[in-house]
Amino acid sequence: MDFGKIIGRVVCTIKDPKLENIPLLIVQGCDHSGQPAGAQMIAADAIGVGAGEFVWYETSGEAPLAWEQRPPVDASIVGIVDNVRANAASAKEH
C-alpha cells in the first residue's frame, strides 16, 4: 500500500460495465507526511473519498480485491489517512 492525495476526477462516458458506479480519481503519490513523492495515477475509489483527501491505495493484482465483482483496475483507493506516526527507531531499520 502507498500514500497519495486526491487531486482530480476522471469522467468517462463509455467504460467497462464492471466499472459502472465506481468513481475514478487522480491520485498524486505522497510520502508519509503528505508531500508529493512519486507519480500521478488514476485509481478506482472503493470507499468514497473527496478532493484533497490524504489516502492510501493498493496497486497491482490486489487492486481489484476491494470489490466483489473484481473490476479491471490497476489501482484502488482503500482508506483515508487520518494520522501517521513513524517511530524513528523502526524507520531506521527499514
PDB file of N, CA and C in Angstrom:
ATOM      1  N   MET A   1       0.841  -1.170   0.000  1.00  0.00           N
ATOM      2  CA  MET A   1       0.000   0.000   0.000  1.00  0.00           C
ATOM      3  C   MET A   1       0.884   1.230   0.000  1.00  0.00           C
ATOM      4  N   ASP A   2       0.351   2.296  -0.597  1.00  0.00           N
ATOM      5  CA  ASP A   2       1.085   3.549  -0.691  1.00  0.00           C
ATOM      6  C   ASP A   2       0.174   4.710  -0.318  1.00  0.00           C
ATOM      7  N   PHE A   3       0.798   5.848   0.019  1.00  0.00           N
ATOM      8  CA  PHE A   3       0.060   7.063   0.343  1.00  0.00           C
ATOM      9  C   PHE A   3      -0.131   7.917  -0.896  1.00  0.00           C
ATOM     10  N   GLY A   4      -1.219   8.699  -0.916  1.00  0.00           N
ATOM     11  CA  GLY A   4      -1.462   9.628  -2.003  1.00  0.00           C
ATOM     12  C   GLY A   4      -2.447  10.704  -1.599  1.00  0.00           C
ATOM     13  N   LYS A   5      -2.590  11.702  -2.472  1.00  0.00           N
ATOM     14  CA  LYS A   5      -3.543  12.786  -2.248  1.00  0.00           C
ATOM     15  C   LYS A   5      -4.430  12.888  -3.481  1.00  0.00           C
ATOM     16  N   ILE A   6      -5.724  13.051  -3.260  1.00  0.00           N
ATOM     17  CA  ILE A   6      -6.677  13.167  -4.366  1.00  0.00           C
ATOM     18  C   ILE A   6      -6.560  14.560  -4.966  1.00  0.00           C
ATOM     19  N   ILE A   7      -6.238  14.604  -6.276  1.00  0.00           N
ATOM     20  CA  ILE A   7      -6.041  15.902  -6.927  1.00  0.00           C
ATOM     21  C   ILE A   7      -7.001  16.127  -8.095  1.00  0.00           C
ATOM     22  N   GLY A   8      -7.842  15.163  -8.400  1.00  0.00           N
ATOM     23  CA  GLY A   8      -8.773  15.359  -9.513  1.00  0.00           C
ATOM     24  C   GLY A   8      -9.669  14.155  -9.715  1.00  0.00           C
ATOM     25  N   ARG A   9     -10.512  14.267 -10.732  1.00  0.00           N
ATOM     26  CA  ARG A   9     -11.510  13.246 -11.043  1.00  0.00           C
ATOM     27  C   ARG A   9     -11.484  12.984 -12.539  1.00  0.00           C
ATOM     28  N   VAL A  10     -11.752  11.755 -12.939  1.00  0.00           N
ATOM     29  CA  VAL A  10     -11.836  11.378 -14.345  1.00  0.00           C
ATOM     30  C   VAL A  10     -13.291  11.024 -14.643  1.00  0.00           C
ATOM     31  N   VAL A  11     -13.829  11.597 -15.723  1.00  0.00           N
ATOM     32  CA  VAL A  11     -15.198  11.290 -16.138  1.00  0.00           C
ATOM     33  C   VAL A  11     -15.132  10.546 -17.460  1.00  0.00           C
ATOM     34  N   CYS A  12     -15.758   9.370 -17.495  1.00  0.00           N
ATOM     35  CA  CYS A  12     -15.790   8.540 -18.706  1.00  0.00           C
ATOM     36  C   CYS A  12     -17.236   8.315 -19.113  1.00  0.00           C
ATOM     37  N   THR A  13     -17.547   8.568 -20.379  1.00  0.00           N
ATOM     38  CA  THR A  13     -18.910   8.324 -20.849  1.00  0.00           C
ATOM     39  C   THR A  13     -19.108   6.870 -21.249  1.00  0.00           C
ATOM     40  N   ILE A  14     -18.041   6.206 -21.672  1.00  0.00           N
ATOM     41  CA  ILE A  14     -18.110   4.788 -22.029  1.00  0.00           C
ATOM     42  C   ILE A  14     -16.974   4.075 -21.291  1.00  0.00           C
ATOM     43  N   LYS A  15     -17.321   3.010 -20.571  1.00  0.00           N
ATOM     44  CA  LYS A  15     -16.305   2.247 -19.853  1.00  0.00           C
ATOM     45  C   LYS A  15     -16.786   0.817 -19.651  1.00  0.00           C
ATOM     46  N   ASP A  16     -15.899  -0.037 -19.211  1.00  0.00           N
ATOM     47  CA  ASP A  16     -16.233  -1.428 -18.951  1.00  0.00           C
ATOM     48  C   ASP A  16     -17.416  -1.486 -17.980  1.00  0.00           C
ATOM     49  N   PRO A  17     -18.382  -2.349 -18.223  1.00  0.00           N
ATOM     50  CA  PRO A  17     -19.547  -2.445 -17.330  1.00  0.00           C
ATOM     51  C   PRO A  17     -19.184  -2.713 -15.864  1.00  0.00           C
ATOM     52  N   LYS A  18     -18.084  -3.392 -15.605  1.00  0.00           N
ATOM     53  CA  LYS A  18     -17.673  -3.649 -14.222  1.00  0.00           C
ATOM     54  C   LYS A  18     -17.210  -2.379 -13.510  1.00  0.00           C
ATOM     55  N   LEU A  19     -16.997  -1.288 -14.260  1.00  0.00           N
ATOM     56  CA  LEU A  19     -16.592  -0.012 -13.668  1.00  0.00           C
ATOM     57  C   LEU A  19     -17.767   0.929 -13.423  1.00  0.00           C
ATOM     58  N   GLU A  20     -18.987   0.510 -13.789  1.00  0.00           N
ATOM     59  CA  GLU A  20     -20.154   1.355 -13.551  1.00  0.00           C
ATOM     60  C   GLU A  20     -20.271   1.661 -12.055  1.00  0.00           C
ATOM     61  N   ASN A  21     -20.558   2.906 -11.744  1.00  0.00           N
ATOM     62  CA  ASN A  21     -20.739   3.379 -10.371  1.00  0.00           C
ATOM     63  C   ASN A  21     -19.472   3.318  -9.518  1.00  0.00           C
ATOM     64  N   ILE A  22     -18.312   3.224 -10.150  1.00  0.00           N
ATOM     65  CA  ILE A  22     -17.044   3.292  -9.423  1.00  0.00           C
ATOM     66  C   ILE A  22     -16.340   4.587  -9.845  1.00  0.00           C
ATOM     67  N   PRO A  23     -16.225   5.559  -8.931  1.00  0.00           N
ATOM     68  CA  PRO A  23     -15.538   6.801  -9.269  1.00  0.00           C
ATOM     69  C   PRO A  23     -14.062   6.555  -9.598  1.00  0.00           C
ATOM     70  N   LEU A  24     -13.561   7.270 -10.588  1.00  0.00           N
ATOM     71  CA  LEU A  24     -12.151   7.213 -10.966  1.00  0.00           C
ATOM     72  C   LEU A  24     -11.525   8.547 -10.595  1.00  0.00           C
ATOM     73  N   LEU A  25     -10.501   8.504  -9.775  1.00  0.00           N
ATOM     74  CA  LEU A  25      -9.881   9.715  -9.242  1.00  0.00           C
ATOM     75  C   LEU A  25      -8.410   9.776  -9.617  1.00  0.00           C
ATOM     76  N   ILE A  26      -7.889  10.995  -9.691  1.00  0.00           N
ATOM     77  CA  ILE A  26      -6.466  11.197  -9.944  1.00  0.00           C
ATOM     78  C   ILE A  26      -5.775  11.327  -8.590  1.00  0.00           C
ATOM     79  N   VAL A  27      -4.766  10.489  -8.389  1.00  0.00           N
ATOM     80  CA  VAL A  27      -4.043  10.444  -7.122  1.00  0.00           C
ATOM     81  C   VAL A  27      -2.589  10.846  -7.365  1.00  0.00           C
ATOM     82  N   GLN A  28      -2.119  11.770  -6.557  1.00  0.00           N
ATOM     83  CA  GLN A  28      -0.702  12.139  -6.549  1.00  0.00           C
ATOM     84  C   GLN A  28      -0.022  11.320  -5.474  1.00  0.00           C
ATOM     85  N   GLY A  29       0.970  10.494  -5.838  1.00  0.00           N
ATOM     86  CA  GLY A  29       1.717   9.737  -4.841  1.00  0.00           C
ATOM     87  C   GLY A  29       2.363  10.678  -3.839  1.00  0.00           C
ATOM     88  N   CYS A  30       2.382  10.281  -2.552  1.00  0.00           N
ATOM     89  CA  CYS A  30       2.916  11.130  -1.481  1.00  0.00           C
ATOM     90  C   CYS A  30       3.771  10.303  -0.533  1.00  0.00           C
ATOM     91  N   ASP A  31       4.599  11.011   0.230  1.00  0.00           N
ATOM     92  CA  ASP A  31       5.313  10.351   1.314  1.00  0.00           C
ATOM     93  C   ASP A  31       4.390  10.288   2.533  1.00  0.00           C
ATOM     94  N   HIS A  32       4.879   9.759   3.654  1.00  0.00           N
ATOM     95  CA  HIS A  32       4.026   9.582   4.834  1.00  0.00           C
ATOM     96  C   HIS A  32       3.557  10.896   5.453  1.00  0.00           C
ATOM     97  N   SER A  33       4.192  12.002   5.080  1.00  0.00           N
ATOM     98  CA  SER A  33       3.765  13.299   5.626  1.00  0.00           C
ATOM     99  C   SER A  33       2.810  14.036   4.690  1.00  0.00           C
ATOM    100  N   GLY A  34       2.491  13.429   3.543  1.00  0.00           N
ATOM    101  CA  GLY A  34       1.553  14.045   2.615  1.00  0.00           C
ATOM    102  C   GLY A  34       2.193  14.907   1.542  1.00  0.00           C
ATOM    103  N   GLN A  35       3.527  14.923   1.493  1.00  0.00           N
ATOM    104  CA  GLN A  35       4.231  15.704   0.482  1.00  0.00           C
ATOM    105  C   GLN A  35       4.340  14.903  -0.815  1.00  0.00           C
ATOM    106  N   PRO A  36       4.147  15.560  -1.972  1.00  0.00           N
ATOM    107  CA  PRO A  36       4.235  14.837  -3.256  1.00  0.00           C
ATOM    108  C   PRO A  36       5.553  14.068  -3.380  1.00  0.00           C
ATOM    109  N   ALA A  37       5.431  12.811  -3.743  1.00  0.00           N
ATOM    110  CA  ALA A  37       6.598  11.945  -3.918  1.00  0.00           C
ATOM    111  C   ALA A  37       6.169  10.776  -4.788  1.00  0.00           C
ATOM    112  N   GLY A  38       6.411  10.891  -6.047  1.00  0.00           N
ATOM    113  CA  GLY A  38       6.014   9.805  -6.934  1.00  0.00           C
ATOM    114  C   GLY A  38       5.084  10.277  -8.030  1.00  0.00           C
ATOM    115  N   ALA A  39       4.620   9.316  -8.775  1.00  0.00           N
ATOM    116  CA  ALA A  39       3.811   9.589  -9.965  1.00  0.00           C
ATOM    117  C   ALA A  39       2.356   9.886  -9.618  1.00  0.00           C
ATOM    118  N   GLN A  40       1.687  10.499 -10.593  1.00  0.00           N
ATOM    119  CA  GLN A  40       0.236  10.632 -10.535  1.00  0.00           C
ATOM    120  C   GLN A  40      -0.358   9.433 -11.251  1.00  0.00           C
ATOM    121  N   MET A  41      -1.539   9.003 -10.807  1.00  0.00           N
ATOM    122  CA  MET A  41      -2.196   7.866 -11.434  1.00  0.00           C
ATOM    123  C   MET A  41      -3.706   7.999 -11.308  1.00  0.00           C
ATOM    124  N   ILE A  42      -4.397   7.190 -12.045  1.00  0.00           N
ATOM    125  CA  ILE A  42      -5.848   7.091 -11.923  1.00  0.00           C
ATOM    126  C   ILE A  42      -6.128   5.874 -11.058  1.00  0.00           C
ATOM    127  N   ALA A  43      -6.959   6.056 -10.043  1.00  0.00           N
ATOM    128  CA  ALA A  43      -7.306   4.961  -9.134  1.00  0.00           C
ATOM    129  C   ALA A  43      -8.820   4.900  -8.960  1.00  0.00           C
ATOM    130  N   ALA A  44      -9.324   3.699  -8.835  1.00  0.00           N
ATOM    131  CA  ALA A  44     -10.744   3.497  -8.573  1.00  0.00           C
ATOM    132  C   ALA A  44     -10.998   3.715  -7.083  1.00  0.00           C
ATOM    133  N   ASP A  45     -12.080   4.413  -6.771  1.00  0.00           N
ATOM    134  CA  ASP A  45     -12.400   4.765  -5.391  1.00  0.00           C
ATOM    135  C   ASP A  45     -13.323   3.706  -4.784  1.00  0.00           C
ATOM    136  N   ALA A  46     -12.789   2.928  -3.852  1.00  0.00           N
ATOM    137  CA  ALA A  46     -13.555   1.859  -3.221  1.00  0.00           C
ATOM    138  C   ALA A  46     -14.292   2.309  -1.967  1.00  0.00           C
ATOM    139  N   ILE A  47     -14.031   3.545  -1.492  1.00  0.00           N
ATOM    140  CA  ILE A  47     -14.593   3.927  -0.194  1.00  0.00           C
ATOM    141  C   ILE A  47     -15.340   5.254  -0.172  1.00  0.00           C
ATOM    142  N   GLY A  48     -15.233   6.068  -1.217  1.00  0.00           N
ATOM    143  CA  GLY A  48     -15.946   7.345  -1.248  1.00  0.00           C
ATOM    144  C   GLY A  48     -15.163   8.495  -0.652  1.00  0.00           C
ATOM    145  N   VAL A  49     -14.036   8.836  -1.249  1.00  0.00           N
ATOM    146  CA  VAL A  49     -13.199   9.929  -0.746  1.00  0.00           C
ATOM    147  C   VAL A  49     -13.508  11.216  -1.500  1.00  0.00           C
ATOM    148  N   GLY A  50     -13.022  12.323  -0.968  1.00  0.00           N
ATOM    149  CA  GLY A  50     -13.253  13.619  -1.587  1.00  0.00           C
ATOM    150  C   GLY A  50     -11.963  14.266  -2.044  1.00  0.00           C
ATOM    151  N   ALA A  51     -12.104  15.381  -2.731  1.00  0.00           N
ATOM    152  CA  ALA A  51     -10.959  16.135  -3.247  1.00  0.00           C
ATOM    153  C   ALA A  51     -10.054  16.558  -2.094  1.00  0.00           C
ATOM    154  N   GLY A  52      -8.743  16.423  -2.305  1.00  0.00           N
ATOM    155  CA  GLY A  52      -7.762  16.847  -1.325  1.00  0.00           C
ATOM    156  C   GLY A  52      -7.508  15.861  -0.196  1.00  0.00           C
ATOM    157  N   GLU A  53      -8.243  14.758  -0.140  1.00  0.00           N
ATOM    158  CA  GLU A  53      -8.066  13.771   0.933  1.00  0.00           C
ATOM    159  C   GLU A  53      -6.703  13.094   0.825  1.00  0.00           C
ATOM    160  N   PHE A  54      -6.116  12.806   1.978  1.00  0.00           N
ATOM    161  CA  PHE A  54      -4.877  12.030   2.084  1.00  0.00           C
ATOM    162  C   PHE A  54      -5.311  10.579   2.239  1.00  0.00           C
ATOM    163  N   VAL A  55      -4.930   9.723   1.308  1.00  0.00           N
ATOM    164  CA  VAL A  55      -5.457   8.361   1.242  1.00  0.00           C
ATOM    165  C   VAL A  55      -4.332   7.337   1.173  1.00  0.00           C
ATOM    166  N   TRP A  56      -4.703   6.076   1.316  1.00  0.00           N
ATOM    167  CA  TRP A  56      -3.779   5.028   0.938  1.00  0.00           C
ATOM    168  C   TRP A  56      -4.439   4.204  -0.137  1.00  0.00           C
ATOM    169  N   TYR A  57      -3.600   3.676  -1.026  1.00  0.00           N
ATOM    170  CA  TYR A  57      -4.107   2.940  -2.174  1.00  0.00           C
ATOM    171  C   TYR A  57      -3.294   1.672  -2.382  1.00  0.00           C
ATOM    172  N   GLU A  58      -3.916   0.748  -3.070  1.00  0.00           N
ATOM    173  CA  GLU A  58      -3.301  -0.534  -3.392  1.00  0.00           C
ATOM    174  C   GLU A  58      -3.167  -0.620  -4.898  1.00  0.00           C
ATOM    175  N   THR A  59      -2.080  -1.198  -5.364  1.00  0.00           N
ATOM    176  CA  THR A  59      -1.866  -1.341  -6.806  1.00  0.00           C
ATOM    177  C   THR A  59      -1.649  -2.806  -7.170  1.00  0.00           C
ATOM    178  N   SER A  60      -1.575  -3.044  -8.444  1.00  0.00           N
ATOM    179  CA  SER A  60      -1.256  -4.369  -8.977  1.00  0.00           C
ATOM    180  C   SER A  60      -2.419  -5.330  -8.828  1.00  0.00           C
ATOM    181  N   GLY A  61      -2.086  -6.610  -8.657  1.00  0.00           N
ATOM    182  CA  GLY A  61      -3.092  -7.659  -8.601  1.00  0.00           C
ATOM    183  C   GLY A  61      -4.045  -7.548  -7.432  1.00  0.00           C
ATOM    184  N   GLU A  62      -3.642  -6.853  -6.376  1.00  0.00           N
ATOM    185  CA  GLU A  62      -4.510  -6.689  -5.212  1.00  0.00           C
ATOM    186  C   GLU A  62      -5.557  -5.601  -5.409  1.00  0.00           C
ATOM    187  N   ALA A  63      -5.367  -4.706  -6.337  1.00  0.00           N
ATOM    188  CA  ALA A  63      -6.272  -3.565  -6.515  1.00  0.00           C
ATOM    189  C   ALA A  63      -7.734  -3.970  -6.727  1.00  0.00           C
ATOM    190  N   PRO A  64      -8.058  -4.949  -7.573  1.00  0.00           N
ATOM    191  CA  PRO A  64      -9.468  -5.304  -7.775  1.00  0.00           C
ATOM    192  C   PRO A  64     -10.115  -6.001  -6.578  1.00  0.00           C
ATOM    193  N   LEU A  65      -9.332  -6.442  -5.611  1.00  0.00           N
ATOM    194  CA  LEU A  65      -9.879  -7.184  -4.481  1.00  0.00           C
ATOM    195  C   LEU A  65     -10.753  -6.339  -3.558  1.00  0.00           C
ATOM    196  N   ALA A  66     -10.770  -5.029  -3.758  1.00  0.00           N
ATOM    197  CA  ALA A  66     -11.609  -4.142  -2.946  1.00  0.00           C
ATOM    198  C   ALA A  66     -13.091  -4.281  -3.289  1.00  0.00           C
ATOM    199  N   TRP A  67     -13.398  -4.965  -4.385  1.00  0.00           N
ATOM    200  CA  TRP A  67     -14.788  -5.146  -4.829  1.00  0.00           C
ATOM    201  C   TRP A  67     -15.096  -6.615  -5.035  1.00  0.00           C
ATOM    202  N   GLU A  68     -16.336  -6.970  -4.818  1.00  0.00           N
ATOM    203  CA  GLU A  68     -16.771  -8.345  -5.049  1.00  0.00           C
ATOM    204  C   GLU A  68     -16.744  -8.713  -6.529  1.00  0.00           C
ATOM    205  N   GLN A  69     -17.110  -7.757  -7.412  1.00  0.00           N
ATOM    206  CA  GLN A  69     -17.183  -8.045  -8.855  1.00  0.00           C
ATOM    207  C   GLN A  69     -15.837  -7.956  -9.571  1.00  0.00           C
ATOM    208  N   ARG A  70     -14.756  -7.624  -8.860  1.00  0.00           N
ATOM    209  CA  ARG A  70     -13.394  -7.576  -9.400  1.00  0.00           C
ATOM    210  C   ARG A  70     -13.284  -6.771 -10.693  1.00  0.00           C
ATOM    211  N   PRO A  71     -13.437  -5.439 -10.629  1.00  0.00           N
ATOM    212  CA  PRO A  71     -13.328  -4.621 -11.840  1.00  0.00           C
ATOM    213  C   PRO A  71     -11.899  -4.623 -12.391  1.00  0.00           C
ATOM    214  N   PRO A  72     -11.741  -4.280 -13.664  1.00  0.00           N
ATOM    215  CA  PRO A  72     -10.409  -4.255 -14.277  1.00  0.00           C
ATOM    216  C   PRO A  72      -9.657  -2.974 -13.918  1.00  0.00           C
ATOM    217  N   VAL A  73      -9.035  -2.947 -12.740  1.00  0.00           N
ATOM    218  CA  VAL A  73      -8.300  -1.763 -12.273  1.00  0.00           C
ATOM    219  C   VAL A  73      -6.895  -2.155 -11.835  1.00  0.00           C
ATOM    220  N   ASP A  74      -5.967  -1.205 -11.951  1.00  0.00           N
ATOM    221  CA  ASP A  74      -4.586  -1.389 -11.503  1.00  0.00           C
ATOM    222  C   ASP A  74      -4.296  -0.681 -10.191  1.00  0.00           C
ATOM    223  N   ALA A  75      -5.207   0.224  -9.767  1.00  0.00           N
ATOM    224  CA  ALA A  75      -5.019   0.954  -8.513  1.00  0.00           C
ATOM    225  C   ALA A  75      -6.385   1.207  -7.879  1.00  0.00           C
ATOM    226  N   SER A  76      -6.478   0.988  -6.578  1.00  0.00           N
ATOM    227  CA  SER A  76      -7.717   1.200  -5.828  1.00  0.00           C
ATOM    228  C   SER A  76      -7.435   1.989  -4.565  1.00  0.00           C
ATOM    229  N   ILE A  77      -8.274   2.967  -4.293  1.00  0.00           N
ATOM    230  CA  ILE A  77      -8.191   3.731  -3.054  1.00  0.00           C
ATOM    231  C   ILE A  77      -8.925   2.914  -1.998  1.00  0.00           C
ATOM    232  N   VAL A  78      -8.226   2.572  -0.912  1.00  0.00           N
ATOM    233  CA  VAL A  78      -8.805   1.675   0.083  1.00  0.00           C
ATOM    234  C   VAL A  78      -8.896   2.268   1.489  1.00  0.00           C
ATOM    235  N   GLY A  79      -8.409   3.497   1.698  1.00  0.00           N
ATOM    236  CA  GLY A  79      -8.510   4.091   3.022  1.00  0.00           C
ATOM    237  C   GLY A  79      -8.212   5.571   3.023  1.00  0.00           C
ATOM    238  N   ILE A  80      -8.759   6.250   4.015  1.00  0.00           N
ATOM    239  CA  ILE A  80      -8.461   7.663   4.258  1.00  0.00           C
ATOM    240  C   ILE A  80      -7.491   7.716   5.428  1.00  0.00           C
ATOM    241  N   VAL A  81      -6.386   8.420   5.253  1.00  0.00           N
ATOM    242  CA  VAL A  81      -5.360   8.523   6.301  1.00  0.00           C
ATOM    243  C   VAL A  81      -5.699   9.700   7.200  1.00  0.00           C
ATOM    244  N   ASP A  82      -5.897   9.410   8.477  1.00  0.00           N
ATOM    245  CA  ASP A  82      -6.177  10.454   9.457  1.00  0.00           C
ATOM    246  C   ASP A  82      -4.906  10.931  10.134  1.00  0.00           C
ATOM    247  N   ASN A  83      -3.958  10.010  10.345  1.00  0.00           N
ATOM    248  CA  ASN A  83      -2.765  10.341  11.108  1.00  0.00           C
ATOM    249  C   ASN A  83      -1.696   9.310  10.786  1.00  0.00           C
ATOM    250  N   VAL A  84      -0.450   9.744  10.715  1.00  0.00           N
ATOM    251  CA  VAL A  84       0.682   8.837  10.532  1.00  0.00           C
ATOM    252  C   VAL A  84       1.681   9.141  11.630  1.00  0.00           C
ATOM    253  N   ARG A  85       2.046   8.108  12.387  1.00  0.00           N
ATOM    254  CA  ARG A  85       3.068   8.252  13.424  1.00  0.00           C
ATOM    255  C   ARG A  85       4.186   7.288  13.086  1.00  0.00           C
ATOM    256  N   ALA A  86       5.358   7.824  12.819  1.00  0.00           N
ATOM    257  CA  ALA A  86       6.506   6.991  12.486  1.00  0.00           C
ATOM    258  C   ALA A  86       7.447   6.946  13.674  1.00  0.00           C
ATOM    259  N   ASN A  87       7.834   5.757  14.075  1.00  0.00           N
ATOM    260  CA  ASN A  87       8.799   5.571  15.141  1.00  0.00           C
ATOM    261  C   ASN A  87      10.182   5.719  14.530  1.00  0.00           C
ATOM    262  N   ALA A  88      10.973   6.648  15.010  1.00  0.00           N
ATOM    263  CA  ALA A  88      12.292   6.913  14.439  1.00  0.00           C
ATOM    264  C   ALA A  88      13.171   5.683  14.437  1.00  0.00           C
ATOM    265  N   ALA A  89      13.122   4.870  15.481  1.00  0.00           N
ATOM    266  CA  ALA A  89      13.967   3.666  15.548  1.00  0.00           C
ATOM    267  C   ALA A  89      13.565   2.655  14.486  1.00  0.00           C
ATOM    268  N   SER A  90      12.258   2.414  14.323  1.00  0.00           N
ATOM    269  CA  SER A  90      11.836   1.421  13.338  1.00  0.00           C
ATOM    270  C   SER A  90      12.024   1.961  11.925  1.00  0.00           C
ATOM    271  N   ALA A  91      11.947   3.260  11.739  1.00  0.00           N
ATOM    272  CA  ALA A  91      12.147   3.840  10.417  1.00  0.00           C
ATOM    273  C   ALA A  91      13.589   3.613   9.963  1.00  0.00           C
ATOM    274  N   LYS A  92      14.533   3.652  10.872  1.00  0.00           N
ATOM    275  CA  LYS A  92      15.942   3.433  10.520  1.00  0.00           C
ATOM    276  C   LYS A  92      16.190   1.961  10.154  1.00  0.00           C
ATOM    277  N   GLU A  93      15.404   1.043  10.741  1.00  0.00           N
ATOM    278  CA  GLU A  93      15.591  -0.370  10.458  1.00  0.00           C
ATOM    279  C   GLU A  93      15.121  -0.742   9.063  1.00  0.00           C
ATOM    280  N   HIS A  94      14.176  -0.027   8.500  1.00  0.00           N
ATOM    281  CA  HIS A  94      13.582  -0.393   7.211  1.00  0.00           C
ATOM    282  C   HIS A  94      14.201   0.360   6.100  1.00  0.00           C
TER     283      HIS A  94
END
